[in-house]
């Protein structure tokens, strides 16, 4: 824990030096961000998705061991859940980052949605957009 204290202090100093007009953030609030790499590609394209959960406490019961659902925006959905130990306040820690890959076989504009769920309740969600360009020979009569 002592290793994290200097990092937290630096973050507070940087935030306070940006400007006094910033409103204080709610320490219980969590923010889930989602990045897509690459955001533009040619079909078929393997896309890497990286999510980061920021804020909140490390032992948040709602975010501990969630079901992770990826809605790829292409008509497919992937869902996974881990086999975790029972939640223990002040001891169990939440996972802060998630990553995966998905292959888009056809061109189009897609919106990917990541949902972290407890039972059927969504406890955090994020979306990201990407554009897959149609392959040169997709839909053409050219044979390779």
N, C-alpha and C. Protein backbone atom coordinates (compact mmCIF):
# COMPACT_ATOMS: atom_id res chain seq x y z
N UNK A 1 0.81 -1.21 0.00
CA UNK A 1 0.00 0.00 0.00
C UNK A 1 0.85 1.26 0.00
N UNK A 2 2.01 1.24 0.63
CA UNK A 2 2.82 2.46 0.66
C UNK A 2 3.35 2.82 -0.72
N UNK A 3 3.50 1.83 -1.60
CA UNK A 3 3.96 2.14 -2.95
C UNK A 3 2.92 2.93 -3.73
N UNK A 4 1.63 2.73 -3.45
CA UNK A 4 0.59 3.44 -4.17
C UNK A 4 0.37 4.86 -3.66
N UNK A 5 0.72 5.13 -2.43
CA UNK A 5 0.47 6.45 -1.86
C UNK A 5 1.17 7.57 -2.63
N UNK A 6 2.45 7.43 -3.02
CA UNK A 6 3.08 8.51 -3.79
C UNK A 6 2.40 8.72 -5.14
N UNK A 7 1.98 7.66 -5.81
CA UNK A 7 1.30 7.81 -7.10
C UNK A 7 -0.02 8.56 -6.92
N UNK A 8 -0.77 8.23 -5.88
CA UNK A 8 -2.03 8.92 -5.63
C UNK A 8 -1.77 10.39 -5.34
N UNK A 9 -0.71 10.68 -4.60
CA UNK A 9 -0.38 12.06 -4.27
C UNK A 9 -0.03 12.85 -5.53
N UNK A 10 0.75 12.26 -6.43
CA UNK A 10 1.11 12.93 -7.67
C UNK A 10 -0.13 13.22 -8.49
N UNK A 11 -1.05 12.25 -8.59
CA UNK A 11 -2.27 12.45 -9.37
C UNK A 11 -3.10 13.59 -8.79
N UNK A 12 -3.17 13.69 -7.48
CA UNK A 12 -3.93 14.77 -6.85
C UNK A 12 -3.25 16.10 -7.13
N UNK A 13 -1.94 16.13 -7.06
CA UNK A 13 -1.23 17.38 -7.33
C UNK A 13 -1.42 17.83 -8.77
N UNK A 14 -1.32 16.92 -9.71
CA UNK A 14 -1.49 17.27 -11.11
C UNK A 14 -2.91 17.80 -11.34
N UNK A 15 -3.91 17.12 -10.78
CA UNK A 15 -5.30 17.54 -10.97
C UNK A 15 -5.52 18.91 -10.35
N UNK A 16 -4.96 19.17 -9.17
CA UNK A 16 -5.19 20.46 -8.54
C UNK A 16 -4.43 21.58 -9.25
N UNK A 17 -3.32 21.25 -9.92
CA UNK A 17 -2.58 22.29 -10.61
C UNK A 17 -3.21 22.65 -11.95
N UNK A 18 -4.09 21.81 -12.46
CA UNK A 18 -4.75 22.10 -13.73
C UNK A 18 -5.65 23.31 -13.60
N UNK A 19 -6.31 23.43 -12.48
CA UNK A 19 -7.17 24.59 -12.30
C UNK A 19 -8.09 24.41 -11.12
N UNK A 20 -8.30 25.46 -10.40
CA UNK A 20 -9.14 25.40 -9.22
C UNK A 20 -10.62 25.31 -9.58
N UNK A 21 -10.97 25.54 -10.81
CA UNK A 21 -12.38 25.53 -11.20
C UNK A 21 -12.93 24.11 -11.38
N UNK A 22 -12.06 23.08 -11.36
CA UNK A 22 -12.54 21.71 -11.51
C UNK A 22 -13.34 21.31 -10.29
N UNK A 23 -14.45 20.62 -10.52
CA UNK A 23 -15.26 20.12 -9.42
C UNK A 23 -14.63 18.85 -8.87
N UNK A 24 -14.73 18.63 -7.57
CA UNK A 24 -14.18 17.39 -7.02
C UNK A 24 -14.95 16.20 -7.57
N UNK A 25 -14.24 15.10 -7.84
CA UNK A 25 -14.90 13.92 -8.37
C UNK A 25 -15.40 13.04 -7.23
N UNK A 26 -16.45 12.31 -7.51
CA UNK A 26 -17.03 11.38 -6.55
C UNK A 26 -16.11 10.16 -6.48
N UNK A 27 -15.51 9.87 -5.33
CA UNK A 27 -14.58 8.75 -5.22
C UNK A 27 -15.25 7.40 -5.45
N UNK A 28 -16.56 7.32 -5.29
CA UNK A 28 -17.27 6.06 -5.50
C UNK A 28 -17.60 5.83 -6.98
N UNK A 29 -17.54 6.89 -7.79
CA UNK A 29 -17.91 6.78 -9.20
C UNK A 29 -16.84 6.02 -9.98
N UNK A 30 -17.29 5.12 -10.85
CA UNK A 30 -16.37 4.39 -11.70
C UNK A 30 -16.60 4.78 -13.15
N UNK A 31 -15.53 4.70 -13.93
CA UNK A 31 -15.59 5.04 -15.34
C UNK A 31 -14.96 3.89 -16.11
N UNK A 32 -15.70 3.34 -17.06
CA UNK A 32 -15.19 2.27 -17.90
C UNK A 32 -14.94 2.85 -19.28
N UNK A 33 -13.71 2.80 -19.75
CA UNK A 33 -13.37 3.30 -21.08
C UNK A 33 -12.98 2.12 -21.97
N UNK A 34 -13.24 2.28 -23.26
CA UNK A 34 -12.98 1.21 -24.22
C UNK A 34 -12.23 1.78 -25.41
N UNK A 35 -11.11 1.16 -25.77
CA UNK A 35 -10.32 1.57 -26.93
C UNK A 35 -10.28 0.44 -27.94
N UNK A 36 -10.28 0.81 -29.21
CA UNK A 36 -10.25 -0.14 -30.31
C UNK A 36 -8.98 0.10 -31.11
N UNK A 37 -8.28 -0.98 -31.47
CA UNK A 37 -7.05 -0.83 -32.24
C UNK A 37 -6.96 -1.93 -33.30
N UNK A 38 -6.90 -1.60 -34.56
CA UNK A 38 -7.06 -0.27 -35.13
C UNK A 38 -8.54 0.10 -35.21
N UNK A 39 -8.82 1.39 -35.27
CA UNK A 39 -10.20 1.87 -35.37
C UNK A 39 -10.69 1.83 -36.81
N UNK A 40 -9.74 1.71 -37.77
CA UNK A 40 -10.08 1.58 -39.19
C UNK A 40 -9.20 0.47 -39.77
N UNK A 41 -9.82 -0.42 -40.59
CA UNK A 41 -9.07 -1.52 -41.19
C UNK A 41 -9.82 -2.04 -42.40
N UNK A 42 -9.18 -2.94 -43.14
CA UNK A 42 -9.81 -3.61 -44.28
C UNK A 42 -10.24 -5.00 -43.86
N UNK A 43 -11.42 -5.42 -44.34
CA UNK A 43 -11.93 -6.76 -44.03
C UNK A 43 -11.14 -7.80 -44.80
N UNK A 44 -10.91 -8.96 -44.21
CA UNK A 44 -11.20 -9.31 -42.82
C UNK A 44 -10.17 -8.66 -41.89
N UNK A 45 -10.62 -8.22 -40.73
CA UNK A 45 -9.74 -7.48 -39.82
C UNK A 45 -9.82 -8.05 -38.41
N UNK A 46 -8.64 -8.27 -37.82
CA UNK A 46 -8.56 -8.68 -36.41
C UNK A 46 -8.38 -7.40 -35.59
N UNK A 47 -9.34 -7.14 -34.71
CA UNK A 47 -9.36 -5.91 -33.92
C UNK A 47 -9.08 -6.26 -32.46
N UNK A 48 -8.25 -5.46 -31.82
CA UNK A 48 -7.96 -5.62 -30.39
C UNK A 48 -8.74 -4.57 -29.62
N UNK A 49 -9.42 -5.00 -28.57
CA UNK A 49 -10.19 -4.09 -27.73
C UNK A 49 -9.61 -4.11 -26.32
N UNK A 50 -9.41 -2.92 -25.76
CA UNK A 50 -8.84 -2.79 -24.42
C UNK A 50 -9.75 -1.88 -23.59
N UNK A 51 -10.15 -2.36 -22.43
CA UNK A 51 -11.01 -1.58 -21.54
C UNK A 51 -10.28 -1.32 -20.24
N UNK A 52 -10.54 -0.15 -19.67
CA UNK A 52 -9.92 0.24 -18.41
C UNK A 52 -10.99 0.75 -17.48
N UNK A 53 -11.01 0.24 -16.27
CA UNK A 53 -11.96 0.65 -15.24
C UNK A 53 -11.22 1.57 -14.27
N UNK A 54 -11.68 2.82 -14.18
CA UNK A 54 -11.04 3.80 -13.30
C UNK A 54 -12.01 4.29 -12.25
N UNK A 55 -11.46 4.70 -11.13
CA UNK A 55 -12.26 5.23 -10.03
C UNK A 55 -12.82 4.12 -9.15
N UNK A 56 -13.57 4.55 -8.17
CA UNK A 56 -14.18 3.59 -7.25
C UNK A 56 -13.14 2.96 -6.34
N UNK A 57 -13.62 2.13 -5.47
CA UNK A 57 -12.75 1.44 -4.53
C UNK A 57 -12.32 0.10 -5.09
N UNK A 58 -11.20 -0.39 -4.65
CA UNK A 58 -10.66 -1.66 -5.15
C UNK A 58 -11.48 -2.86 -4.70
N UNK A 59 -12.29 -2.68 -3.66
CA UNK A 59 -13.08 -3.80 -3.15
C UNK A 59 -14.59 -3.58 -3.36
N UNK A 60 -14.96 -3.05 -4.51
CA UNK A 60 -16.36 -2.78 -4.85
C UNK A 60 -17.07 -4.11 -5.13
N UNK A 61 -18.05 -4.45 -4.32
CA UNK A 61 -18.76 -5.73 -4.44
C UNK A 61 -19.49 -5.85 -5.78
N UNK A 62 -20.05 -4.76 -6.29
CA UNK A 62 -20.78 -4.81 -7.56
C UNK A 62 -19.86 -5.11 -8.74
N UNK A 63 -18.61 -4.66 -8.66
CA UNK A 63 -17.66 -4.84 -9.76
C UNK A 63 -16.73 -6.03 -9.57
N UNK A 64 -16.87 -6.73 -8.44
CA UNK A 64 -16.03 -7.88 -8.19
C UNK A 64 -16.53 -9.08 -8.99
N UNK A 65 -15.66 -9.64 -9.79
CA UNK A 65 -15.93 -10.87 -10.55
C UNK A 65 -17.21 -10.78 -11.40
N UNK A 66 -17.29 -9.77 -12.25
CA UNK A 66 -18.51 -9.62 -13.07
C UNK A 66 -18.53 -10.59 -14.25
N UNK A 67 -19.70 -10.75 -14.82
CA UNK A 67 -19.81 -11.40 -16.12
C UNK A 67 -19.44 -10.34 -17.15
N UNK A 68 -18.58 -10.69 -18.09
CA UNK A 68 -18.09 -9.75 -19.10
C UNK A 68 -18.79 -10.08 -20.42
N UNK A 69 -19.50 -9.09 -20.95
CA UNK A 69 -20.23 -9.29 -22.20
C UNK A 69 -19.75 -8.32 -23.26
N UNK A 70 -19.33 -8.85 -24.40
CA UNK A 70 -18.90 -8.06 -25.55
C UNK A 70 -19.98 -8.18 -26.62
N UNK A 71 -20.61 -7.08 -26.98
CA UNK A 71 -21.54 -7.05 -28.10
C UNK A 71 -20.75 -6.43 -29.25
N UNK A 72 -20.43 -7.23 -30.25
CA UNK A 72 -19.51 -6.82 -31.30
C UNK A 72 -20.11 -5.89 -32.33
N UNK A 73 -21.42 -5.75 -32.35
CA UNK A 73 -22.07 -4.86 -33.31
C UNK A 73 -22.25 -5.49 -34.68
N UNK A 74 -21.81 -6.75 -34.83
CA UNK A 74 -21.96 -7.46 -36.10
C UNK A 74 -22.95 -8.62 -35.98
N UNK A 75 -23.78 -8.57 -34.94
CA UNK A 75 -24.76 -9.63 -34.73
C UNK A 75 -24.28 -10.73 -33.81
N UNK A 76 -23.05 -10.63 -33.32
CA UNK A 76 -22.54 -11.65 -32.39
C UNK A 76 -22.26 -11.03 -31.02
N UNK A 77 -22.39 -11.87 -30.00
CA UNK A 77 -22.14 -11.47 -28.62
C UNK A 77 -21.29 -12.56 -27.97
N UNK A 78 -20.28 -12.15 -27.20
CA UNK A 78 -19.46 -13.08 -26.42
C UNK A 78 -19.66 -12.76 -24.96
N UNK A 79 -19.70 -13.80 -24.14
CA UNK A 79 -19.90 -13.60 -22.71
C UNK A 79 -18.98 -14.56 -21.96
N UNK A 80 -18.36 -14.06 -20.89
CA UNK A 80 -17.51 -14.92 -20.07
C UNK A 80 -17.64 -14.52 -18.60
N UNK A 81 -17.42 -15.50 -17.76
CA UNK A 81 -17.41 -15.22 -16.32
C UNK A 81 -16.33 -16.10 -15.69
N UNK A 82 -15.72 -15.57 -14.65
CA UNK A 82 -14.64 -16.28 -13.97
C UNK A 82 -15.19 -17.00 -12.74
N UNK A 83 -14.47 -18.00 -12.32
CA UNK A 83 -14.81 -18.73 -11.09
C UNK A 83 -14.02 -18.08 -9.97
N UNK A 84 -14.64 -17.16 -9.24
CA UNK A 84 -13.95 -16.37 -8.22
C UNK A 84 -14.29 -16.84 -6.82
N UNK A 85 -13.39 -16.52 -5.92
CA UNK A 85 -13.65 -16.74 -4.50
C UNK A 85 -14.79 -15.83 -4.07
N UNK A 86 -15.54 -16.18 -3.02
CA UNK A 86 -16.61 -15.28 -2.54
C UNK A 86 -16.04 -13.90 -2.17
N UNK A 87 -16.83 -12.87 -2.39
CA UNK A 87 -16.41 -11.50 -2.10
C UNK A 87 -16.18 -11.32 -0.61
N UNK A 88 -15.07 -10.63 -0.26
CA UNK A 88 -14.75 -10.29 1.13
C UNK A 88 -14.40 -8.81 1.18
N UNK A 89 -15.19 -8.00 1.89
CA UNK A 89 -14.89 -6.56 1.99
C UNK A 89 -13.47 -6.33 2.50
N UNK A 90 -12.82 -5.30 1.97
CA UNK A 90 -11.45 -4.91 2.33
C UNK A 90 -10.40 -5.97 1.99
N UNK A 91 -10.78 -7.01 1.27
CA UNK A 91 -9.82 -8.04 0.90
C UNK A 91 -9.89 -8.38 -0.59
N UNK A 92 -11.09 -8.53 -1.12
CA UNK A 92 -11.25 -8.86 -2.53
C UNK A 92 -11.01 -7.62 -3.38
N UNK A 93 -10.30 -7.79 -4.50
CA UNK A 93 -10.02 -6.65 -5.38
C UNK A 93 -10.65 -6.87 -6.74
N UNK A 94 -11.13 -5.77 -7.32
CA UNK A 94 -11.76 -5.83 -8.63
C UNK A 94 -10.70 -5.86 -9.73
N UNK A 95 -11.08 -6.40 -10.87
CA UNK A 95 -10.21 -6.38 -12.05
C UNK A 95 -10.37 -5.01 -12.70
N UNK A 96 -9.27 -4.38 -13.09
CA UNK A 96 -9.30 -3.03 -13.65
C UNK A 96 -9.15 -2.98 -15.16
N UNK A 97 -8.65 -4.04 -15.78
CA UNK A 97 -8.48 -4.00 -17.23
C UNK A 97 -8.98 -5.29 -17.88
N UNK A 98 -9.49 -5.13 -19.09
CA UNK A 98 -10.03 -6.23 -19.87
C UNK A 98 -9.54 -6.06 -21.31
N UNK A 99 -9.20 -7.15 -21.96
CA UNK A 99 -8.82 -7.05 -23.37
C UNK A 99 -9.20 -8.34 -24.09
N UNK A 100 -9.43 -8.19 -25.38
CA UNK A 100 -9.78 -9.33 -26.22
C UNK A 100 -9.59 -8.94 -27.68
N UNK A 101 -9.80 -9.89 -28.55
CA UNK A 101 -9.74 -9.63 -29.99
C UNK A 101 -10.98 -10.19 -30.66
N UNK A 102 -11.32 -9.60 -31.81
CA UNK A 102 -12.47 -10.06 -32.58
C UNK A 102 -12.15 -9.85 -34.06
N UNK A 103 -12.61 -10.77 -34.89
CA UNK A 103 -12.39 -10.66 -36.33
C UNK A 103 -13.68 -10.21 -37.00
N UNK A 104 -13.58 -9.13 -37.75
CA UNK A 104 -14.69 -8.64 -38.58
C UNK A 104 -14.44 -9.12 -40.00
N UNK A 105 -15.38 -9.92 -40.51
CA UNK A 105 -15.19 -10.52 -41.83
C UNK A 105 -15.68 -9.65 -42.97
N UNK A 106 -16.59 -8.73 -42.69
CA UNK A 106 -17.14 -7.88 -43.74
C UNK A 106 -17.01 -6.42 -43.36
N UNK A 107 -17.02 -5.57 -44.38
CA UNK A 107 -16.90 -4.14 -44.15
C UNK A 107 -18.16 -3.57 -43.52
N UNK A 108 -18.01 -2.43 -42.85
CA UNK A 108 -19.14 -1.75 -42.24
C UNK A 108 -18.69 -0.89 -41.08
N UNK A 109 -19.62 -0.10 -40.58
CA UNK A 109 -19.38 0.69 -39.37
C UNK A 109 -19.98 -0.08 -38.21
N UNK A 110 -19.19 -0.29 -37.18
CA UNK A 110 -19.60 -1.10 -36.05
C UNK A 110 -19.46 -0.32 -34.75
N UNK A 111 -20.37 -0.59 -33.82
CA UNK A 111 -20.26 -0.06 -32.46
C UNK A 111 -20.15 -1.27 -31.53
N UNK A 112 -19.04 -1.34 -30.82
CA UNK A 112 -18.79 -2.41 -29.87
C UNK A 112 -19.22 -1.93 -28.49
N UNK A 113 -19.90 -2.80 -27.75
CA UNK A 113 -20.31 -2.45 -26.39
C UNK A 113 -19.77 -3.49 -25.43
N UNK A 114 -19.11 -3.01 -24.39
CA UNK A 114 -18.64 -3.87 -23.30
C UNK A 114 -19.54 -3.62 -22.10
N UNK A 115 -20.10 -4.69 -21.55
CA UNK A 115 -20.94 -4.57 -20.34
C UNK A 115 -20.36 -5.47 -19.26
N UNK A 116 -20.21 -4.91 -18.07
CA UNK A 116 -19.85 -5.70 -16.89
C UNK A 116 -21.14 -5.89 -16.12
N UNK A 117 -21.49 -7.16 -15.84
CA UNK A 117 -22.78 -7.47 -15.24
C UNK A 117 -22.64 -8.23 -13.93
N UNK A 118 -23.57 -7.97 -13.04
CA UNK A 118 -23.75 -8.75 -11.82
C UNK A 118 -25.15 -9.31 -11.93
N UNK A 119 -25.27 -10.61 -12.04
CA UNK A 119 -26.53 -11.27 -12.39
C UNK A 119 -26.93 -10.71 -13.76
N UNK A 120 -28.08 -10.11 -13.90
CA UNK A 120 -28.47 -9.52 -15.18
C UNK A 120 -28.36 -8.00 -15.17
N UNK A 121 -27.91 -7.43 -14.05
CA UNK A 121 -27.79 -5.98 -13.91
C UNK A 121 -26.45 -5.51 -14.48
N UNK A 122 -26.49 -4.50 -15.37
CA UNK A 122 -25.27 -3.91 -15.90
C UNK A 122 -24.72 -2.94 -14.86
N UNK A 123 -23.48 -3.18 -14.40
CA UNK A 123 -22.87 -2.33 -13.38
C UNK A 123 -21.89 -1.33 -13.98
N UNK A 124 -21.42 -1.59 -15.20
CA UNK A 124 -20.56 -0.65 -15.93
C UNK A 124 -20.63 -1.02 -17.40
N UNK A 125 -20.57 0.00 -18.26
CA UNK A 125 -20.63 -0.24 -19.70
C UNK A 125 -19.85 0.83 -20.44
N UNK A 126 -19.36 0.46 -21.62
CA UNK A 126 -18.65 1.41 -22.48
C UNK A 126 -18.84 0.98 -23.93
N UNK A 127 -18.77 1.95 -24.83
CA UNK A 127 -18.88 1.66 -26.26
C UNK A 127 -17.72 2.30 -27.01
N UNK A 128 -17.44 1.74 -28.18
CA UNK A 128 -16.43 2.29 -29.07
C UNK A 128 -16.87 1.99 -30.50
N UNK A 129 -16.51 2.88 -31.41
CA UNK A 129 -16.88 2.71 -32.81
C UNK A 129 -15.66 2.36 -33.64
N UNK A 130 -15.89 1.61 -34.71
CA UNK A 130 -14.83 1.31 -35.64
C UNK A 130 -15.40 1.18 -37.04
N UNK A 131 -14.52 1.34 -38.02
CA UNK A 131 -14.93 1.31 -39.41
C UNK A 131 -14.07 0.29 -40.13
N UNK A 132 -14.73 -0.75 -40.65
CA UNK A 132 -14.04 -1.77 -41.42
C UNK A 132 -14.39 -1.54 -42.88
N UNK A 133 -13.39 -1.26 -43.68
CA UNK A 133 -13.61 -1.04 -45.10
C UNK A 133 -13.77 -2.38 -45.81
N UNK A 134 -14.60 -2.36 -46.80
CA UNK A 134 -14.84 -3.55 -47.58
C UNK A 134 -13.56 -3.96 -48.29
N UNK A 135 -13.28 -5.24 -48.29
CA UNK A 135 -12.10 -5.74 -49.01
C UNK A 135 -12.26 -5.45 -50.49
N UNK A 136 -11.17 -5.29 -51.20
CA UNK A 136 -11.21 -4.95 -52.62
C UNK A 136 -12.03 -5.95 -53.41
N UNK A 137 -11.89 -7.24 -53.09
CA UNK A 137 -12.61 -8.24 -53.86
C UNK A 137 -13.93 -8.67 -53.21
N UNK A 138 -14.32 -8.05 -52.09
CA UNK A 138 -15.56 -8.40 -51.42
C UNK A 138 -16.74 -8.00 -52.30
N UNK A 139 -17.50 -8.97 -52.72
CA UNK A 139 -18.67 -8.68 -53.54
C UNK A 139 -18.38 -8.52 -55.00
N UNK A 140 -17.12 -8.69 -55.42
CA UNK A 140 -16.80 -8.54 -56.83
C UNK A 140 -16.71 -9.90 -57.49
N UNK A 141 -16.59 -9.91 -58.79
CA UNK A 141 -16.48 -11.15 -59.54
C UNK A 141 -15.03 -11.57 -59.77
N UNK A 142 -14.10 -10.83 -59.20
CA UNK A 142 -12.68 -11.13 -59.38
C UNK A 142 -12.33 -12.34 -58.55
N UNK A 143 -11.67 -13.30 -59.16
CA UNK A 143 -11.25 -14.53 -58.45
C UNK A 143 -9.74 -14.49 -58.32
N UNK A 144 -9.27 -14.73 -57.12
CA UNK A 144 -7.81 -14.74 -56.88
C UNK A 144 -7.26 -16.12 -57.07
